[in-house]
PDB file of N, CA and C in Angstrom:
ATOM      1  N   MET A   1      -6.047  -6.862   0.229  1.00  0.00           N
ATOM      2  CA  MET A   1      -6.162  -5.781   0.925  1.00  0.00           C
ATOM      3  C   MET A   1      -5.190  -4.455   0.505  1.00  0.00           C
ATOM      4  N   TYR A   2      -3.837  -4.859   1.241  1.00  0.00           N
ATOM      5  CA  TYR A   2      -2.667  -3.703   0.728  1.00  0.00           C
ATOM      6  C   TYR A   2      -3.011  -3.086  -1.360  1.00  0.00           C
ATOM      7  N   ALA A   3      -3.224  -4.247  -2.021  1.00  0.00           N
ATOM      8  CA  ALA A   3      -4.819  -3.226  -2.946  1.00  0.00           C
ATOM      9  C   ALA A   3      -4.554  -2.425  -3.225  1.00  0.00           C
ATOM     10  N   GLY A   4      -6.006  -2.859  -2.192  1.00  0.00           N
ATOM     11  CA  GLY A   4      -6.814  -1.567  -1.888  1.00  0.00           C
ATOM     12  C   GLY A   4      -6.288  -0.369  -1.609  1.00  0.00           C
ATOM     13  N   LEU A   5      -5.664  -1.210  -0.263  1.00  0.00           N
ATOM     14  CA  LEU A   5      -5.072  -0.166   0.279  1.00  0.00           C
ATOM     15  C   LEU A   5      -3.912   0.841  -0.414  1.00  0.00           C
ATOM     16  N   GLY A   6      -3.961   0.378  -1.421  1.00  0.00           N
ATOM     17  CA  GLY A   6      -2.872   1.225  -2.241  1.00  0.00           C
ATOM     18  C   GLY A   6      -3.286   2.103  -3.283  1.00  0.00           C
ATOM     19  N   TRP A   7      -4.906   1.360  -3.575  1.00  0.00           N
ATOM     20  CA  TRP A   7      -5.612   2.600  -4.295  1.00  0.00           C
ATOM     21  C   TRP A   7      -6.070   3.117  -4.182  1.00  0.00           C
ATOM     22  N   MET A   8      -6.450   3.479  -3.728  1.00  0.00           N
ATOM     23  CA  MET A   8      -7.139   4.496  -2.246  1.00  0.00           C
ATOM     24  C   MET A   8      -6.531   5.630  -2.210  1.00  0.00           C
ATOM     25  N   LEU A   9      -5.299   5.393  -1.948  1.00  0.00           N
ATOM     26  CA  LEU A   9      -4.821   6.407  -1.623  1.00  0.00           C
ATOM     27  C   LEU A   9      -3.777   6.670  -2.502  1.00  0.00           C
ATOM     28  N   MET A  10      -3.859   6.169  -4.500  1.00  0.00           N
ATOM     29  CA  MET A  10      -3.554   6.572  -5.266  1.00  0.00           C
ATOM     30  C   MET A  10      -4.804   7.662  -5.907  1.00  0.00           C
ATOM     31  N   TRP A  11      -6.137   7.069  -5.190  1.00  0.00           N
ATOM     32  CA  TRP A  11      -6.801   8.041  -5.786  1.00  0.00           C
ATOM     33  C   TRP A  11      -7.116   9.348  -4.886  1.00  0.00           C
ATOM     34  N   ALA A  12      -6.802   9.181  -3.413  1.00  0.00           N
ATOM     35  CA  ALA A  12      -6.571  10.403  -2.920  1.00  0.00           C
ATOM     36  C   ALA A  12      -6.189  11.589  -2.936  1.00  0.00           C
ATOM     37  N   PHE A  13      -3.976  11.072  -3.558  1.00  0.00           N
ATOM     38  CA  PHE A  13      -3.349  11.769  -4.127  1.00  0.00           C
ATOM     39  C   PHE A  13      -4.290  12.356  -4.989  1.00  0.00           C
ATOM     40  N   TYR A  14      -4.351  12.112  -6.298  1.00  0.00           N
ATOM     41  CA  TYR A  14      -5.569  12.371  -7.380  1.00  0.00           C
ATOM     42  C   TYR A  14      -6.472  13.819  -6.989  1.00  0.00           C
ATOM     43  N   LYS A  15      -7.348  13.501  -5.844  1.00  0.00           N
ATOM     44  CA  LYS A  15      -8.354  14.339  -5.263  1.00  0.00           C
ATOM     45  C   LYS A  15      -7.746  15.041  -4.968  1.00  0.00           C
ATOM     46  N   GLU A  16      -6.490  15.238  -4.590  1.00  0.00           N
ATOM     47  CA  GLU A  16      -6.576  16.518  -3.245  1.00  0.00           C
ATOM     48  C   GLU A  16      -5.413  17.245  -3.484  1.00  0.00           C
ATOM     49  N   ASN A  17      -4.358  16.540  -4.946  1.00  0.00           N
ATOM     50  CA  ASN A  17      -3.567  17.296  -5.416  1.00  0.00           C
ATOM     51  C   ASN A  17      -2.703  17.776  -4.517  1.00  0.00           C
ATOM     52  N   LEU A  18      -1.908  16.442  -3.637  1.00  0.00           N
ATOM     53  CA  LEU A  18      -1.123  16.463  -2.897  1.00  0.00           C
ATOM     54  C   LEU A  18       0.451  17.091  -3.645  1.00  0.00           C
ATOM     55  N   SER A  19       1.302  17.551  -2.620  1.00  0.00           N
ATOM     56  CA  SER A  19       2.643  17.909  -3.158  1.00  0.00           C
ATOM     57  C   SER A  19       3.858  16.360  -3.394  1.00  0.00           C
ATOM     58  N   LYS A  20       4.093  16.186  -4.337  1.00  0.00           N
ATOM     59  CA  LYS A  20       5.333  14.603  -4.372  1.00  0.00           C
ATOM     60  C   LYS A  20       5.555  14.512  -3.108  1.00  0.00           C
ATOM     61  N   PRO A  21       6.561  15.376  -1.764  1.00  0.00           N
ATOM     62  CA  PRO A  21       7.719  14.756  -0.452  1.00  0.00           C
ATOM     63  C   PRO A  21       5.771  14.084   0.400  1.00  0.00           C
ATOM     64  N   ILE A  22       4.682  15.158   0.209  1.00  0.00           N
ATOM     65  CA  ILE A  22       4.185  14.465   0.966  1.00  0.00           C
ATOM     66  C   ILE A  22       2.590  13.042   0.029  1.00  0.00           C
ATOM     67  N   ARG A  23       3.205  12.516  -0.978  1.00  0.00           N
ATOM     68  CA  ARG A  23       2.520  11.111  -1.984  1.00  0.00           C
ATOM     69  C   ARG A  23       4.118   9.935  -1.451  1.00  0.00           C
ATOM     70  N   VAL A  24       4.715  10.478  -1.353  1.00  0.00           N
ATOM     71  CA  VAL A  24       5.743   9.840  -0.880  1.00  0.00           C
ATOM     72  C   VAL A  24       5.821   9.074   0.046  1.00  0.00           C
ATOM     73  N   PHE A  25       5.502  10.364   0.925  1.00  0.00           N
ATOM     74  CA  PHE A  25       5.878   9.558   2.351  1.00  0.00           C
ATOM     75  C   PHE A  25       4.695   8.747   3.178  1.00  0.00           C
ATOM     76  N   LEU A  26       3.123   9.152   2.219  1.00  0.00           N
ATOM     77  CA  LEU A  26       1.574   8.823   2.509  1.00  0.00           C
ATOM     78  C   LEU A  26       2.489   7.444   1.922  1.00  0.00           C
ATOM     79  N   PHE A  27       2.892   7.267   1.261  1.00  0.00           N
ATOM     80  CA  PHE A  27       2.637   5.669  -0.335  1.00  0.00           C
ATOM     81  C   PHE A  27       3.973   4.653   0.780  1.00  0.00           C
ATOM     82  N   LEU A  28       4.649   5.487   1.462  1.00  0.00           N
ATOM     83  CA  LEU A  28       5.603   4.177   1.908  1.00  0.00           C
ATOM     84  C   LEU A  28       4.691   3.987   3.659  1.00  0.00           C
ATOM     85  N   SER A  29       4.018   4.110   3.814  1.00  0.00           N
ATOM     86  CA  SER A  29       3.048   4.085   4.805  1.00  0.00           C
ATOM     87  C   SER A  29       2.386   3.134   4.838  1.00  0.00           C
ATOM     88  N   ILE A  30       1.946   2.752   3.825  1.00  0.00           N
ATOM     89  CA  ILE A  30       1.453   1.074   3.706  1.00  0.00           C
ATOM     90  C   ILE A  30       2.660  -0.236   3.811  1.00  0.00           C
ATOM     91  N   PRO A  31       3.509   0.012   2.669  1.00  0.00           N
ATOM     92  CA  PRO A  31       3.849  -0.733   3.778  1.00  0.00           C
ATOM     93  C   PRO A  31       5.000  -1.271   5.187  1.00  0.00           C
ATOM     94  N   VAL A  32       5.373   0.171   5.396  1.00  0.00           N
ATOM     95  CA  VAL A  32       6.115   0.469   6.700  1.00  0.00           C
ATOM     96  C   VAL A  32       4.907  -0.372   7.809  1.00  0.00           C
ATOM     97  N   TRP A  33       3.098   0.163   7.864  1.00  0.00           N
ATOM     98  CA  TRP A  33       2.271  -0.371   8.079  1.00  0.00           C
ATOM     99  C   TRP A  33       1.858  -2.571   8.826  1.00  0.00           C
ATOM    100  N   GLY A  34       2.290  -2.932   7.212  1.00  0.00           N
ATOM    101  CA  GLY A  34       1.987  -4.349   6.988  1.00  0.00           C
ATOM    102  C   GLY A  34       4.171  -5.143   7.980  1.00  0.00           C
ATOM    103  N   ILE A  35       4.859  -4.287   7.487  1.00  0.00           N
ATOM    104  CA  ILE A  35       5.628  -4.352   8.823  1.00  0.00           C
ATOM    105  C   ILE A  35       5.406  -4.236   9.593  1.00  0.00           C
ATOM    106  N   LEU A  36       5.295  -3.150  10.866  1.00  0.00           N
ATOM    107  CA  LEU A  36       5.067  -3.089  11.188  1.00  0.00           C
ATOM    108  C   LEU A  36       4.043  -3.933  12.231  1.00  0.00           C
ATOM    109  N   MET A  37       3.091  -4.762  11.363  1.00  0.00           N
ATOM    110  CA  MET A  37       2.096  -5.474  12.263  1.00  0.00           C
ATOM    111  C   MET A  37       2.810  -6.898  11.892  1.00  0.00           C
ATOM    112  N   GLU A  38       3.659  -8.061  11.329  1.00  0.00           N
ATOM    113  CA  GLU A  38       4.133  -8.818  10.765  1.00  0.00           C
ATOM    114  C   GLU A  38       5.128  -8.431  12.239  1.00  0.00           C
ATOM    115  N   VAL A  39       5.743  -7.170  13.046  1.00  0.00           N
ATOM    116  CA  VAL A  39       6.505  -7.260  13.929  1.00  0.00           C
ATOM    117  C   VAL A  39       5.707  -8.316  15.152  1.00  0.00           C
ATOM    118  N   MET A  40       5.079  -6.969  15.218  1.00  0.00           N
ATOM    119  CA  MET A  40       4.048  -6.858  16.259  1.00  0.00           C
ATOM    120  C   MET A  40       3.600  -8.572  16.402  1.00  0.00           C
ATOM    121  N   GLN A  41       3.615  -9.396  15.342  1.00  0.00           N
ATOM    122  CA  GLN A  41       2.957 -10.795  15.550  1.00  0.00           C
ATOM    123  C   GLN A  41       4.284 -10.860  16.072  1.00  0.00           C
ATOM    124  N   LEU A  42       5.706 -11.441  15.541  1.00  0.00           N
ATOM    125  CA  LEU A  42       6.462 -11.442  16.278  1.00  0.00           C
ATOM    126  C   LEU A  42       6.602 -11.940  18.147  1.00  0.00           C
ATOM    127  N   PHE A  43       6.339 -10.773  17.666  1.00  0.00           N
ATOM    128  CA  PHE A  43       6.351 -10.689  19.838  1.00  0.00           C
ATOM    129  C   PHE A  43       4.337 -10.279  20.708  1.00  0.00           C
ATOM    130  N   MET A  44       3.579 -11.104  20.084  1.00  0.00           N
ATOM    131  CA  MET A  44       2.723 -10.968  20.754  1.00  0.00           C
ATOM    132  C   MET A  44       2.543 -12.653  21.425  1.00  0.00           C
ATOM    133  N   HIS A  45       2.540 -13.344  20.969  1.00  0.00           N
ATOM    134  CA  HIS A  45       2.845 -15.200  20.879  1.00  0.00           C
ATOM    135  C   HIS A  45       1.911 -15.299  20.730  1.00  0.00           C
ATOM    136  N   GLN A  46       0.662 -15.122  20.070  1.00  0.00           N
ATOM    137  CA  GLN A  46      -0.816 -15.631  20.176  1.00  0.00           C
ATOM    138  C   GLN A  46      -2.066 -15.833  18.855  1.00  0.00           C
ATOM    139  N   GLY A  47      -0.019 -16.872  18.157  1.00  0.00           N
ATOM    140  CA  GLY A  47      -1.024 -17.911  17.058  1.00  0.00           C
ATOM    141  C   GLY A  47      -1.061 -17.289  16.424  1.00  0.00           C
ATOM    142  N   ARG A  48      -0.356 -16.551  15.923  1.00  0.00           N
ATOM    143  CA  ARG A  48      -0.018 -15.784  14.980  1.00  0.00           C
ATOM    144  C   ARG A  48       1.788 -15.494  15.052  1.00  0.00           C
ATOM    145  N   SER A  49       2.326 -15.370  13.638  1.00  0.00           N
ATOM    146  CA  SER A  49       3.730 -15.669  13.295  1.00  0.00           C
ATOM    147  C   SER A  49       4.648 -14.916  12.537  1.00  0.00           C
ATOM    148  N   PHE A  50       5.788 -14.143  12.978  1.00  0.00           N
ATOM    149  CA  PHE A  50       5.953 -13.047  11.819  1.00  0.00           C
ATOM    150  C   PHE A  50       6.627 -14.232  10.093  1.00  0.00           C
ATOM    151  N   SER A  51       6.521 -13.741   9.568  1.00  0.00           N
ATOM    152  CA  SER A  51       6.448 -14.495   7.683  1.00  0.00           C
ATOM    153  C   SER A  51       6.640 -12.876   6.920  1.00  0.00           C
ATOM    154  N   TRP A  52       8.776 -12.912   6.184  1.00  0.00           N
ATOM    155  CA  TRP A  52       9.093 -12.194   5.515  1.00  0.00           C
ATOM    156  C   TRP A  52       8.089 -12.303   4.520  1.00  0.00           C
ATOM    157  N   LEU A  53       7.347 -13.839   3.934  1.00  0.00           N
ATOM    158  CA  LEU A  53       6.281 -13.852   2.128  1.00  0.00           C
ATOM    159  C   LEU A  53       5.096 -12.566   3.107  1.00  0.00           C
ATOM    160  N   ASP A  54       5.171 -12.993   4.270  1.00  0.00           N
ATOM    161  CA  ASP A  54       3.258 -11.165   3.839  1.00  0.00           C
ATOM    162  C   ASP A  54       3.877 -10.253   3.864  1.00  0.00           C
ATOM    163  N   ILE A  55       5.536  -9.971   4.227  1.00  0.00           N
ATOM    164  CA  ILE A  55       5.528  -8.614   4.496  1.00  0.00           C
ATOM    165  C   ILE A  55       5.726  -8.000   2.770  1.00  0.00           C
ATOM    166  N   LEU A  56       6.352  -9.120   2.586  1.00  0.00           N
ATOM    167  CA  LEU A  56       6.907  -9.431   0.358  1.00  0.00           C
ATOM    168  C   LEU A  56       5.184  -8.573  -0.372  1.00  0.00           C
ATOM    169  N   ALA A  57       4.364 -10.068   0.372  1.00  0.00           N
ATOM    170  CA  ALA A  57       3.059 -10.160   0.010  1.00  0.00           C
ATOM    171  C   ALA A  57       1.871  -9.118   0.116  1.00  0.00           C
ATOM    172  N   ASN A  58       2.495  -8.380   0.919  1.00  0.00           N
ATOM    173  CA  ASN A  58       1.798  -6.921   1.226  1.00  0.00           C
ATOM    174  C   ASN A  58       1.966  -5.320   0.507  1.00  0.00           C
ATOM    175  N   LEU A  59       3.329  -5.757   0.398  1.00  0.00           N
ATOM    176  CA  LEU A  59       4.154  -4.871  -0.664  1.00  0.00           C
ATOM    177  C   LEU A  59       3.685  -5.098  -1.879  1.00  0.00           C
ATOM    178  N   VAL A  60       3.730  -6.876  -2.181  1.00  0.00           N
ATOM    179  CA  VAL A  60       3.629  -6.985  -3.434  1.00  0.00           C
ATOM    180  C   VAL A  60       1.686  -5.849  -3.814  1.00  0.00           C
ATOM    181  N   GLY A  61       1.052  -6.450  -2.930  1.00  0.00           N
ATOM    182  CA  GLY A  61      -0.433  -5.902  -3.219  1.00  0.00           C
ATOM    183  C   GLY A  61      -0.994  -4.392  -2.705  1.00  0.00           C
ATOM    184  N   ALA A  62      -0.193  -4.003  -2.211  1.00  0.00           N
ATOM    185  CA  ALA A  62       0.007  -2.206  -2.695  1.00  0.00           C
ATOM    186  C   ALA A  62       0.658  -2.304  -3.620  1.00  0.00           C
ATOM    187  N   ILE A  63       1.417  -2.230  -4.194  1.00  0.00           N
ATOM    188  CA  ILE A  63       2.181  -1.955  -6.618  1.00  0.00           C
ATOM    189  C   ILE A  63       1.326  -1.820  -7.281  1.00  0.00           C
ATOM    190  N   ILE A  64       0.167  -3.345  -6.773  1.00  0.00           N
ATOM    191  CA  ILE A  64      -0.613  -3.846  -7.871  1.00  0.00           C
ATOM    192  C   ILE A  64      -2.007  -2.559  -8.057  1.00  0.00           C
ATOM    193  N   GLY A  65      -2.411  -2.130  -6.170  1.00  0.00           N
ATOM    194  CA  GLY A  65      -3.325  -1.281  -6.232  1.00  0.00           C
ATOM    195  C   GLY A  65      -3.169  -0.021  -6.597  1.00  0.00           C
ATOM    196  N   VAL A  66      -1.770   0.739  -6.784  1.00  0.00           N
ATOM    197  CA  VAL A  66      -0.817   1.623  -7.509  1.00  0.00           C
ATOM    198  C   VAL A  66      -0.977   1.706  -9.168  1.00  0.00           C
ATOM    199  N   LEU A  67      -0.378  -0.037  -9.206  1.00  0.00           N
ATOM    200  CA  LEU A  67      -0.361   0.181 -11.145  1.00  0.00           C
ATOM    201  C   LEU A  67      -1.971   0.097 -12.182  1.00  0.00           C
ATOM    202  N   VAL A  68      -2.545  -0.689 -11.216  1.00  0.00           N
ATOM    203  CA  VAL A  68      -4.051  -0.523 -11.157  1.00  0.00           C
ATOM    204  C   VAL A  68      -4.656   0.594 -11.648  1.00  0.00           C
ATOM    205  N   TYR A  69      -4.926   1.395 -10.587  1.00  0.00           N
ATOM    206  CA  TYR A  69      -5.777   2.259  -9.784  1.00  0.00           C
ATOM    207  C   TYR A  69      -4.642   3.147 -11.800  1.00  0.00           C
ATOM    208  N   ARG A  70      -3.178   4.058 -11.357  1.00  0.00           N
ATOM    209  CA  ARG A  70      -3.065   4.182 -13.004  1.00  0.00           C
ATOM    210  C   ARG A  70      -3.171   3.410 -13.964  1.00  0.00           C
ATOM    211  N   TRP A  71      -3.358   2.704 -13.931  1.00  0.00           N
ATOM    212  CA  TRP A  71      -3.858   1.836 -15.610  1.00  0.00           C
ATOM    213  C   TRP A  71      -5.178   3.137 -16.216  1.00  0.00           C
ATOM    214  N   MET A  72      -6.258   2.868 -15.145  1.00  0.00           N
ATOM    215  CA  MET A  72      -7.757   2.923 -14.906  1.00  0.00           C
ATOM    216  C   MET A  72      -8.051   4.306 -14.700  1.00  0.00           C
ATOM    217  N   VAL A  73      -7.020   5.327 -13.959  1.00  0.00           N
ATOM    218  CA  VAL A  73      -6.194   6.790 -14.965  1.00  0.00           C
ATOM    219  C   VAL A  73      -6.295   6.791 -15.968  1.00  0.00           C
ATOM    220  N   PHE A  74      -4.648   6.460 -16.616  1.00  0.00           N
ATOM    221  CA  PHE A  74      -3.975   6.387 -18.225  1.00  0.00           C
ATOM    222  C   PHE A  74      -5.157   6.087 -19.377  1.00  0.00           C
ATOM    223  N   ARG A  75      -5.916   4.915 -19.134  1.00  0.00           N
ATOM    224  CA  ARG A  75      -5.735   4.106 -20.094  1.00  0.00           C
ATOM    225  C   ARG A  75      -7.321   4.245 -20.446  1.00  0.00           C
ATOM    226  N   VAL A  76      -8.383   3.886 -19.673  1.00  0.00           N
ATOM    227  CA  VAL A  76      -9.599   3.910 -19.235  1.00  0.00           C
ATOM    228  C   VAL A  76     -10.041   5.375 -19.389  1.00  0.00           C
ATOM    229  N   MET A  77      -9.657   6.479 -18.216  1.00  0.00           N
ATOM    230  CA  MET A  77     -10.193   7.762 -18.310  1.00  0.00           C
ATOM    231  C   MET A  77     -10.342   8.504 -19.029  1.00  0.00           C
ATOM    232  N   GLY A  78      -8.685   7.904 -19.948  1.00  0.00           N
ATOM    233  CA  GLY A  78      -7.946   8.701 -20.986  1.00  0.00           C
ATOM    234  C   GLY A  78      -7.755  10.040 -20.444  1.00  0.00           C
ATOM    235  N   GLU A  79      -6.682  10.876 -18.936  1.00  0.00           N
ATOM    236  CA  GLU A  79      -6.399  11.583 -18.450  1.00  0.00           C
ATOM    237  C   GLU A  79      -5.110  11.103 -18.401  1.00  0.00           C
TER     238      GLU A  79
END
């Protein structure tokens, strides 16, 4: 899921030509969202549990999405 979010975010950066501070803020929002979801699970007690590994998996997924997008743009599309 986070790989897809990372890919879509990079595509939005490319299409909108956003400034660097905005791009950094938006990219950081993906891992922050994953962390917030884990923290909410810690306090909900609805059969869900907090896990550092889930946070790490979300971050790795987002990074993979960004790397796949960059590979597609620079290698496949030749830009």
